[in-house]
Amino acid sequence: MDKLPDDNQSYLVEHLPFTSHMVIGEKARIGLVVLATDYTVEHEFRHIITQSGVDVFAARIANEVSVTPETLAAMGPRITDTAALILPEDRLDVLAYGCTSASTVLGEDAVHGYLRAAKPMATPTTPITAAFAAFRTMKAKRIAVLTPYRRDVNAIVYDYITRHGFEVPVFGSFNEEKDPIVASIDADSLINAINTIKDKASRDGESIDMVFVSCTSVRLAEHVAQIEQSIGLPVTSSNHAMAWHCLRLAGINDAMPHLGQLYSAPLP
């Protein structure tokens, strides 16, 4: 029997028999490309995706702290290489890119292409892809939008949503471009902002079908059901919609009404 190198006492026993059973990711494997500056998306995914055998595997993509059209566009060429770091040479069921504003700057088709180049068998999604699926699921046409972005990014997001067949009667923003600060916006501020833009639409005689809070840095998912009860409308956010979309695309159709109306619905 061989001994370990440079060890006169211990014997080396190799090729021990074993059996295997896949538990982690047994039901579904979700890949997630997370911005290097993001504090929130992994936290909210852990809060939402709790089913045994459904697991999320993340890699972080380099990005700038300030959210501008230029810094968002710069991420495009990095998406494939970053996504390829997630379970190399193994399968994913769904692969998501976690930036709403960059997905509108780059366009969903381009982002999906970057993701497919890394994991051809995985179904790609983005927060804006998920939001559109959520709007259709809830049969919502007129969307009240709240973002943290500065004005030029807001213009891109507004244009992208309306070009895809939805109306935006009211659009609110905190006008904050620093990702770490956005992640610290508290629940009371978000709820007050949602009430403000809803009231603005009401005063102007504009009907609203649904509220969408854009940006994966925003912490809202755990409050969605409470807000829906308060305002009488379905509500979703980037992470809230994307986690739901990832689950549904992976074939996980569990109803989770404590997370809001969307989580009792299948894909349209």
C-alpha atoms as a PDB file:
ATOM      1  CA  MET A   1       0.000   0.000   0.000  1.00  0.00           C
ATOM      2  CA  ASP A   2       1.323   3.425  -0.947  1.00  0.00           C
ATOM      3  CA  LYS A   3       2.117   6.152   1.524  1.00  0.00           C
ATOM      4  CA  LEU A   4       1.350   9.819   1.176  1.00  0.00           C
ATOM      5  CA  PRO A   5       4.217  11.854  -0.256  1.00  0.00           C
ATOM      6  CA  ASP A   6       6.686  13.069   2.375  1.00  0.00           C
ATOM      7  CA  ASP A   7       4.798  11.203   5.101  1.00  0.00           C
ATOM      8  CA  ASN A   8       6.260   8.028   6.576  1.00  0.00           C
ATOM      9  CA  GLN A   9       3.257   7.295   8.805  1.00  0.00           C
ATOM     10  CA  SER A  10       0.033   7.725   6.789  1.00  0.00           C
ATOM     11  CA  TYR A  11      -1.093   5.245   4.143  1.00  0.00           C
ATOM     12  CA  LEU A  12      -2.941   6.331   1.021  1.00  0.00           C
ATOM     13  CA  VAL A  13      -6.238   4.568   0.308  1.00  0.00           C
ATOM     14  CA  GLU A  14      -7.594   5.603  -3.113  1.00  0.00           C
ATOM     15  CA  HIS A  15     -10.629   4.912  -5.317  1.00  0.00           C
ATOM     16  CA  LEU A  16     -12.960   4.384  -2.391  1.00  0.00           C
ATOM     17  CA  PRO A  17     -16.462   3.352  -3.549  1.00  0.00           C
ATOM     18  CA  PHE A  18     -19.343   5.796  -3.314  1.00  0.00           C
ATOM     19  CA  THR A  19     -22.894   6.321  -4.486  1.00  0.00           C
ATOM     20  CA  SER A  20     -24.409   9.656  -5.454  1.00  0.00           C
ATOM     21  CA  HIS A  21     -27.747  11.418  -5.337  1.00  0.00           C
ATOM     22  CA  MET A  22     -28.306  14.950  -6.609  1.00  0.00           C
ATOM     23  CA  VAL A  23     -30.068  17.037  -3.954  1.00  0.00           C
ATOM     24  CA  ILE A  24     -28.836  20.565  -4.662  1.00  0.00           C
ATOM     25  CA  GLY A  25     -30.625  21.779  -7.780  1.00  0.00           C
ATOM     26  CA  GLU A  26     -32.453  18.474  -8.144  1.00  0.00           C
ATOM     27  CA  LYS A  27     -35.734  20.080  -9.231  1.00  0.00           C
ATOM     28  CA  ALA A  28     -34.472  23.270 -10.835  1.00  0.00           C
ATOM     29  CA  ARG A  29     -31.227  25.169 -11.298  1.00  0.00           C
ATOM     30  CA  ILE A  30     -31.461  28.910 -11.732  1.00  0.00           C
ATOM     31  CA  GLY A  31     -28.398  30.913 -12.767  1.00  0.00           C
ATOM     32  CA  LEU A  32     -28.211  34.584 -11.847  1.00  0.00           C
ATOM     33  CA  VAL A  33     -25.794  37.219 -13.138  1.00  0.00           C
ATOM     34  CA  VAL A  34     -25.612  39.816 -10.360  1.00  0.00           C
ATOM     35  CA  LEU A  35     -24.131  43.307 -10.598  1.00  0.00           C
ATOM     36  CA  ALA A  36     -20.972  43.712  -8.538  1.00  0.00           C
ATOM     37  CA  THR A  37     -22.623  46.684  -6.810  1.00  0.00           C
ATOM     38  CA  ASP A  38     -25.912  44.925  -6.014  1.00  0.00           C
ATOM     39  CA  TYR A  39     -26.800  44.315  -2.350  1.00  0.00           C
ATOM     40  CA  THR A  40     -30.352  43.157  -2.906  1.00  0.00           C
ATOM     41  CA  VAL A  41     -31.155  40.635  -5.614  1.00  0.00           C
ATOM     42  CA  GLU A  42     -29.547  37.598  -3.947  1.00  0.00           C
ATOM     43  CA  HIS A  43     -31.146  38.539  -0.622  1.00  0.00           C
ATOM     44  CA  GLU A  44     -34.613  38.726  -2.184  1.00  0.00           C
ATOM     45  CA  PHE A  45     -34.150  35.543  -4.215  1.00  0.00           C
ATOM     46  CA  ARG A  46     -33.234  33.695  -0.999  1.00  0.00           C
ATOM     47  CA  HIS A  47     -36.401  35.087   0.617  1.00  0.00           C
ATOM     48  CA  ILE A  48     -38.592  33.974  -2.301  1.00  0.00           C
ATOM     49  CA  ILE A  49     -37.058  30.749  -3.619  1.00  0.00           C
ATOM     50  CA  THR A  50     -37.241  28.369  -0.677  1.00  0.00           C
ATOM     51  CA  GLN A  51     -38.437  25.126  -2.284  1.00  0.00           C
ATOM     52  CA  SER A  52     -36.320  22.069  -1.579  1.00  0.00           C
ATOM     53  CA  GLY A  53     -34.312  21.083  -4.637  1.00  0.00           C
ATOM     54  CA  VAL A  54     -34.686  24.492  -6.303  1.00  0.00           C
ATOM     55  CA  ASP A  55     -31.399  26.366  -6.100  1.00  0.00           C
ATOM     56  CA  VAL A  56     -29.891  29.612  -7.352  1.00  0.00           C
ATOM     57  CA  PHE A  57     -26.284  29.870  -8.515  1.00  0.00           C
ATOM     58  CA  ALA A  58     -24.861  33.366  -8.964  1.00  0.00           C
ATOM     59  CA  ALA A  59     -21.849  35.095 -10.501  1.00  0.00           C
ATOM     60  CA  ARG A  60     -21.050  38.805 -10.254  1.00  0.00           C
ATOM     61  CA  ILE A  61     -20.437  41.037 -13.244  1.00  0.00           C
ATOM     62  CA  ALA A  62     -18.152  44.067 -13.082  1.00  0.00           C
ATOM     63  CA  ASN A  63     -20.020  47.359 -13.253  1.00  0.00           C
ATOM     64  CA  GLU A  64     -19.758  50.969 -12.139  1.00  0.00           C
ATOM     65  CA  VAL A  65     -21.356  52.317  -8.947  1.00  0.00           C
ATOM     66  CA  SER A  66     -23.094  55.104 -10.901  1.00  0.00           C
ATOM     67  CA  VAL A  67     -26.006  54.066 -13.102  1.00  0.00           C
ATOM     68  CA  THR A  68     -25.818  55.958 -16.396  1.00  0.00           C
ATOM     69  CA  PRO A  69     -26.652  54.949 -19.975  1.00  0.00           C
ATOM     70  CA  GLU A  70     -22.917  54.619 -20.652  1.00  0.00           C
ATOM     71  CA  THR A  71     -22.084  52.436 -17.640  1.00  0.00           C
ATOM     72  CA  LEU A  72     -25.101  50.243 -18.319  1.00  0.00           C
ATOM     73  CA  ALA A  73     -24.168  49.700 -21.972  1.00  0.00           C
ATOM     74  CA  ALA A  74     -20.588  48.849 -20.993  1.00  0.00           C
ATOM     75  CA  MET A  75     -21.745  45.669 -19.259  1.00  0.00           C
ATOM     76  CA  GLY A  76     -22.956  44.038 -22.470  1.00  0.00           C
ATOM     77  CA  PRO A  77     -19.677  42.428 -23.607  1.00  0.00           C
ATOM     78  CA  ARG A  78     -19.053  41.074 -20.085  1.00  0.00           C
ATOM     79  CA  ILE A  79     -22.323  39.182 -19.711  1.00  0.00           C
ATOM     80  CA  THR A  80     -21.345  35.979 -21.526  1.00  0.00           C
ATOM     81  CA  ASP A  81     -18.026  35.510 -19.732  1.00  0.00           C
ATOM     82  CA  THR A  82     -19.650  36.174 -16.357  1.00  0.00           C
ATOM     83  CA  ALA A  83     -22.549  33.809 -16.994  1.00  0.00           C
ATOM     84  CA  ALA A  84     -20.110  31.109 -18.103  1.00  0.00           C
ATOM     85  CA  LEU A  85     -18.677  31.072 -14.566  1.00  0.00           C
ATOM     86  CA  ILE A  86     -21.920  29.548 -13.250  1.00  0.00           C
ATOM     87  CA  LEU A  87     -21.629  25.737 -13.024  1.00  0.00           C
ATOM     88  CA  PRO A  88     -19.170  25.363 -15.940  1.00  0.00           C
ATOM     89  CA  GLU A  89     -19.931  22.415 -18.210  1.00  0.00           C
ATOM     90  CA  ASP A  90     -23.128  21.686 -16.295  1.00  0.00           C
ATOM     91  CA  ARG A  91     -26.755  22.499 -16.955  1.00  0.00           C
ATOM     92  CA  LEU A  92     -28.951  25.348 -15.849  1.00  0.00           C
ATOM     93  CA  ASP A  93     -32.692  25.432 -16.416  1.00  0.00           C
ATOM     94  CA  VAL A  94     -32.998  29.227 -16.385  1.00  0.00           C
ATOM     95  CA  LEU A  95     -30.359  31.964 -16.640  1.00  0.00           C
ATOM     96  CA  ALA A  96     -31.209  35.520 -15.552  1.00  0.00           C
ATOM     97  CA  TYR A  97     -29.322  38.786 -15.934  1.00  0.00           C
ATOM     98  CA  GLY A  98     -30.029  40.977 -12.923  1.00  0.00           C
ATOM     99  CA  CYS A  99     -30.192  44.542 -14.204  1.00  0.00           C
ATOM    100  CA  THR A 100     -33.438  46.143 -15.339  1.00  0.00           C
ATOM    101  CA  SER A 101     -32.084  49.392 -16.721  1.00  0.00           C
ATOM    102  CA  ALA A 102     -29.208  47.727 -18.599  1.00  0.00           C
ATOM    103  CA  SER A 103     -31.685  45.304 -20.136  1.00  0.00           C
ATOM    104  CA  THR A 104     -33.576  48.276 -21.581  1.00  0.00           C
ATOM    105  CA  VAL A 105     -30.393  50.033 -22.724  1.00  0.00           C
ATOM    106  CA  LEU A 106     -28.992  46.897 -24.390  1.00  0.00           C
ATOM    107  CA  GLY A 107     -32.348  45.404 -25.362  1.00  0.00           C
ATOM    108  CA  GLU A 108     -33.710  42.033 -24.302  1.00  0.00           C
ATOM    109  CA  ASP A 109     -32.713  40.302 -27.532  1.00  0.00           C
ATOM    110  CA  ALA A 110     -29.086  41.315 -27.073  1.00  0.00           C
ATOM    111  CA  VAL A 111     -29.017  40.272 -23.409  1.00  0.00           C
ATOM    112  CA  HIS A 112     -30.702  36.956 -24.160  1.00  0.00           C
ATOM    113  CA  GLY A 113     -28.081  36.377 -26.863  1.00  0.00           C
ATOM    114  CA  TYR A 114     -25.241  37.022 -24.415  1.00  0.00           C
ATOM    115  CA  LEU A 115     -26.812  34.586 -21.938  1.00  0.00           C
ATOM    116  CA  ARG A 116     -27.425  31.887 -24.555  1.00  0.00           C
ATOM    117  CA  ALA A 117     -23.807  32.137 -25.677  1.00  0.00           C
ATOM    118  CA  ALA A 118     -22.797  31.020 -22.179  1.00  0.00           C
ATOM    119  CA  LYS A 119     -25.555  28.478 -21.502  1.00  0.00           C
ATOM    120  CA  PRO A 120     -27.357  27.497 -24.730  1.00  0.00           C
ATOM    121  CA  MET A 121     -29.786  25.109 -23.034  1.00  0.00           C
ATOM    122  CA  ALA A 122     -30.927  27.536 -20.325  1.00  0.00           C
ATOM    123  CA  THR A 123     -33.994  29.715 -20.833  1.00  0.00           C
ATOM    124  CA  PRO A 124     -32.877  33.358 -20.543  1.00  0.00           C
ATOM    125  CA  THR A 125     -34.690  36.141 -18.754  1.00  0.00           C
ATOM    126  CA  THR A 126     -34.135  39.654 -17.438  1.00  0.00           C
ATOM    127  CA  PRO A 127     -36.065  41.833 -14.987  1.00  0.00           C
ATOM    128  CA  ILE A 128     -37.821  43.695 -17.798  1.00  0.00           C
ATOM    129  CA  THR A 129     -38.642  40.410 -19.577  1.00  0.00           C
ATOM    130  CA  ALA A 130     -40.103  39.147 -16.308  1.00  0.00           C
ATOM    131  CA  ALA A 131     -41.990  42.390 -15.715  1.00  0.00           C
ATOM    132  CA  PHE A 132     -43.631  42.176 -19.153  1.00  0.00           C
ATOM    133  CA  ALA A 133     -44.610  38.556 -18.423  1.00  0.00           C
ATOM    134  CA  ALA A 134     -46.054  39.696 -15.092  1.00  0.00           C
ATOM    135  CA  PHE A 135     -48.056  42.496 -16.737  1.00  0.00           C
ATOM    136  CA  ARG A 136     -49.531  40.057 -19.244  1.00  0.00           C
ATOM    137  CA  THR A 137     -50.271  37.499 -16.544  1.00  0.00           C
ATOM    138  CA  MET A 138     -52.156  40.078 -14.505  1.00  0.00           C
ATOM    139  CA  LYS A 139     -53.831  41.416 -17.674  1.00  0.00           C
ATOM    140  CA  ALA A 140     -52.373  44.835 -16.900  1.00  0.00           C
ATOM    141  CA  LYS A 141     -52.076  47.377 -19.698  1.00  0.00           C
ATOM    142  CA  ARG A 142     -51.620  50.659 -17.833  1.00  0.00           C
ATOM    143  CA  ILE A 143     -48.611  50.536 -15.529  1.00  0.00           C
ATOM    144  CA  ALA A 144     -47.564  53.016 -12.843  1.00  0.00           C
ATOM    145  CA  VAL A 145     -43.736  52.900 -12.773  1.00  0.00           C
ATOM    146  CA  LEU A 146     -41.429  53.852  -9.908  1.00  0.00           C
ATOM    147  CA  THR A 147     -37.637  53.863 -10.312  1.00  0.00           C
ATOM    148  CA  PRO A 148     -34.576  55.160  -8.486  1.00  0.00           C
ATOM    149  CA  TYR A 149     -32.895  56.277 -11.734  1.00  0.00           C
ATOM    150  CA  ARG A 150     -31.723  59.658 -12.965  1.00  0.00           C
ATOM    151  CA  ARG A 151     -33.672  61.348 -15.758  1.00  0.00           C
ATOM    152  CA  ASP A 152     -31.803  60.092 -18.845  1.00  0.00           C
ATOM    153  CA  VAL A 153     -32.060  56.464 -17.664  1.00  0.00           C
ATOM    154  CA  ASN A 154     -35.743  57.006 -16.834  1.00  0.00           C
ATOM    155  CA  ALA A 155     -36.350  58.201 -20.386  1.00  0.00           C
ATOM    156  CA  ILE A 156     -34.876  54.980 -21.773  1.00  0.00           C
ATOM    157  CA  VAL A 157     -36.920  52.804 -19.409  1.00  0.00           C
ATOM    158  CA  TYR A 158     -40.137  54.709 -20.159  1.00  0.00           C
ATOM    159  CA  ASP A 159     -39.570  54.450 -23.905  1.00  0.00           C
ATOM    160  CA  TYR A 160     -38.782  50.739 -23.699  1.00  0.00           C
ATOM    161  CA  ILE A 161     -41.929  49.910 -21.739  1.00  0.00           C
ATOM    162  CA  THR A 162     -44.232  51.948 -23.951  1.00  0.00           C
ATOM    163  CA  ARG A 163     -42.673  50.623 -27.174  1.00  0.00           C
ATOM    164  CA  HIS A 164     -43.573  47.126 -26.015  1.00  0.00           C
ATOM    165  CA  GLY A 165     -47.276  47.866 -25.933  1.00  0.00           C
ATOM    166  CA  PHE A 166     -47.885  49.096 -22.382  1.00  0.00           C
ATOM    167  CA  GLU A 167     -49.077  52.514 -21.248  1.00  0.00           C
ATOM    168  CA  VAL A 168     -47.407  54.426 -18.413  1.00  0.00           C
ATOM    169  CA  PRO A 169     -49.904  57.007 -17.096  1.00  0.00           C
ATOM    170  CA  VAL A 170     -47.599  58.022 -14.244  1.00  0.00           C
ATOM    171  CA  PHE A 171     -43.844  57.625 -13.724  1.00  0.00           C
ATOM    172  CA  GLY A 172     -42.069  58.416 -10.450  1.00  0.00           C
ATOM    173  CA  SER A 173     -38.381  58.470  -9.557  1.00  0.00           C
ATOM    174  CA  PHE A 174     -36.048  59.046  -6.608  1.00  0.00           C
ATOM    175  CA  ASN A 175     -33.435  60.344  -9.107  1.00  0.00           C
ATOM    176  CA  GLU A 176     -30.576  58.545  -7.358  1.00  0.00           C
ATOM    177  CA  GLU A 177     -27.801  57.106  -9.527  1.00  0.00           C
ATOM    178  CA  LYS A 178     -25.631  55.409  -6.875  1.00  0.00           C
ATOM    179  CA  ASP A 179     -26.459  51.712  -6.516  1.00  0.00           C
ATOM    180  CA  PRO A 180     -25.415  51.368  -2.835  1.00  0.00           C
ATOM    181  CA  ILE A 181     -27.692  54.266  -1.870  1.00  0.00           C
ATOM    182  CA  VAL A 182     -30.595  52.777  -3.817  1.00  0.00           C
ATOM    183  CA  ALA A 183     -30.174  49.541  -1.863  1.00  0.00           C
ATOM    184  CA  SER A 184     -30.646  51.488   1.371  1.00  0.00           C
ATOM    185  CA  ILE A 185     -33.988  53.107   0.456  1.00  0.00           C
ATOM    186  CA  ASP A 186     -36.341  51.939   3.193  1.00  0.00           C
ATOM    187  CA  ALA A 187     -39.782  50.373   2.907  1.00  0.00           C
ATOM    188  CA  ASP A 188     -41.617  53.460   4.192  1.00  0.00           C
ATOM    189  CA  SER A 189     -40.065  55.599   1.453  1.00  0.00           C
ATOM    190  CA  LEU A 190     -41.040  53.090  -1.211  1.00  0.00           C
ATOM    191  CA  ILE A 191     -44.599  52.777   0.085  1.00  0.00           C
ATOM    192  CA  ASN A 192     -44.973  56.561   0.308  1.00  0.00           C
ATOM    193  CA  ALA A 193     -43.663  56.945  -3.248  1.00  0.00           C
ATOM    194  CA  ILE A 194     -46.080  54.311  -4.569  1.00  0.00           C
ATOM    195  CA  ASN A 195     -48.973  56.071  -2.840  1.00  0.00           C
ATOM    196  CA  THR A 196     -47.819  59.416  -4.242  1.00  0.00           C
ATOM    197  CA  ILE A 197     -47.736  58.300  -7.858  1.00  0.00           C
ATOM    198  CA  LYS A 198     -51.017  56.397  -7.485  1.00  0.00           C
ATOM    199  CA  ASP A 199     -52.685  59.490  -6.007  1.00  0.00           C
ATOM    200  CA  LYS A 200     -51.224  61.637  -8.795  1.00  0.00           C
ATOM    201  CA  ALA A 201     -52.771  59.347 -11.402  1.00  0.00           C
ATOM    202  CA  SER A 202     -56.130  59.463  -9.600  1.00  0.00           C
ATOM    203  CA  ARG A 203     -56.130  63.261  -9.447  1.00  0.00           C
ATOM    204  CA  ASP A 204     -55.401  63.375 -13.171  1.00  0.00           C
ATOM    205  CA  GLY A 205     -58.213  60.944 -13.925  1.00  0.00           C
ATOM    206  CA  GLU A 206     -55.802  58.248 -15.097  1.00  0.00           C
ATOM    207  CA  SER A 207     -56.603  54.619 -14.429  1.00  0.00           C
ATOM    208  CA  ILE A 208     -53.844  52.189 -13.354  1.00  0.00           C
ATOM    209  CA  ASP A 209     -53.875  48.408 -13.698  1.00  0.00           C
ATOM    210  CA  MET A 210     -50.624  47.599 -11.888  1.00  0.00           C
ATOM    211  CA  VAL A 211     -47.570  49.117 -10.160  1.00  0.00           C
ATOM    212  CA  PHE A 212     -44.014  48.233 -11.206  1.00  0.00           C
ATOM    213  CA  VAL A 213     -40.969  49.241  -9.134  1.00  0.00           C
ATOM    214  CA  SER A 214     -37.895  48.993 -11.330  1.00  0.00           C
ATOM    215  CA  CYS A 215     -34.302  48.168 -10.269  1.00  0.00           C
ATOM    216  CA  THR A 216     -32.835  45.032  -8.748  1.00  0.00           C
ATOM    217  CA  SER A 217     -31.197  47.112  -6.000  1.00  0.00           C
ATOM    218  CA  VAL A 218     -34.608  48.126  -4.610  1.00  0.00           C
ATOM    219  CA  ARG A 219     -35.804  46.087  -1.590  1.00  0.00           C
ATOM    220  CA  LEU A 220     -39.535  45.573  -1.986  1.00  0.00           C
ATOM    221  CA  ALA A 221     -40.409  41.895  -2.473  1.00  0.00           C
ATOM    222  CA  GLU A 222     -41.320  41.109   1.133  1.00  0.00           C
ATOM    223  CA  HIS A 223     -43.744  44.062   1.265  1.00  0.00           C
ATOM    224  CA  VAL A 224     -45.629  43.425  -1.992  1.00  0.00           C
ATOM    225  CA  ALA A 225     -48.633  41.600  -0.498  1.00  0.00           C
ATOM    226  CA  GLN A 226     -49.084  44.295   2.180  1.00  0.00           C
ATOM    227  CA  ILE A 227     -48.921  47.091  -0.402  1.00  0.00           C
ATOM    228  CA  GLU A 228     -51.405  45.323  -2.666  1.00  0.00           C
ATOM    229  CA  GLN A 229     -53.911  45.098   0.183  1.00  0.00           C
ATOM    230  CA  SER A 230     -53.420  48.794   0.908  1.00  0.00           C
ATOM    231  CA  ILE A 231     -53.772  50.169  -2.617  1.00  0.00           C
ATOM    232  CA  GLY A 232     -56.055  47.555  -4.177  1.00  0.00           C
ATOM    233  CA  LEU A 233     -53.805  46.916  -7.173  1.00  0.00           C
ATOM    234  CA  PRO A 234     -51.306  44.211  -8.141  1.00  0.00           C
ATOM    235  CA  VAL A 235     -47.702  45.234  -7.483  1.00  0.00           C
ATOM    236  CA  THR A 236     -44.370  43.842  -8.593  1.00  0.00           C
ATOM    237  CA  SER A 237     -40.712  44.852  -8.638  1.00  0.00           C
ATOM    238  CA  SER A 238     -37.685  43.807 -10.656  1.00  0.00           C
ATOM    239  CA  ASN A 239     -36.579  41.069  -8.255  1.00  0.00           C
ATOM    240  CA  HIS A 240     -40.138  40.060  -7.357  1.00  0.00           C
ATOM    241  CA  ALA A 241     -41.063  39.587 -11.025  1.00  0.00           C
ATOM    242  CA  MET A 242     -37.766  37.971 -12.022  1.00  0.00           C
ATOM    243  CA  ALA A 243     -37.817  35.381  -9.227  1.00  0.00           C
ATOM    244  CA  TRP A 244     -41.414  34.464 -10.175  1.00  0.00           C
ATOM    245  CA  HIS A 245     -40.450  34.262 -13.855  1.00  0.00           C
ATOM    246  CA  CYS A 246     -37.412  32.078 -13.103  1.00  0.00           C
ATOM    247  CA  LEU A 247     -39.550  29.680 -11.078  1.00  0.00           C
ATOM    248  CA  ARG A 248     -42.259  29.449 -13.700  1.00  0.00           C
ATOM    249  CA  LEU A 249     -39.769  29.016 -16.568  1.00  0.00           C
ATOM    250  CA  ALA A 250     -38.137  26.211 -14.569  1.00  0.00           C
ATOM    251  CA  GLY A 251     -41.484  24.452 -14.224  1.00  0.00           C
ATOM    252  CA  ILE A 252     -42.042  25.353 -10.562  1.00  0.00           C
ATOM    253  CA  ASN A 253     -45.693  26.376 -10.359  1.00  0.00           C
ATOM    254  CA  ASP A 254     -46.202  26.461  -6.583  1.00  0.00           C
ATOM    255  CA  ALA A 255     -48.716  29.072  -5.423  1.00  0.00           C
ATOM    256  CA  MET A 256     -47.203  31.419  -2.836  1.00  0.00           C
ATOM    257  CA  PRO A 257     -49.955  33.958  -2.078  1.00  0.00           C
ATOM    258  CA  HIS A 258     -47.985  35.467   0.825  1.00  0.00           C
ATOM    259  CA  LEU A 259     -45.743  36.999  -1.854  1.00  0.00           C
ATOM    260  CA  GLY A 260     -48.588  38.770  -3.654  1.00  0.00           C
ATOM    261  CA  GLN A 261     -51.085  38.176  -6.434  1.00  0.00           C
ATOM    262  CA  LEU A 262     -48.480  37.326  -9.068  1.00  0.00           C
ATOM    263  CA  TYR A 263     -47.292  34.299  -7.114  1.00  0.00           C
ATOM    264  CA  SER A 264     -50.670  32.596  -7.403  1.00  0.00           C
ATOM    265  CA  ALA A 265     -50.528  32.821 -11.202  1.00  0.00           C
ATOM    266  CA  PRO A 266     -48.919  30.603 -13.873  1.00  0.00           C
ATOM    267  CA  LEU A 267     -47.219  32.001 -16.927  1.00  0.00           C
ATOM    268  CA  PRO A 268     -49.663  33.442 -19.466  1.00  0.00           C
END
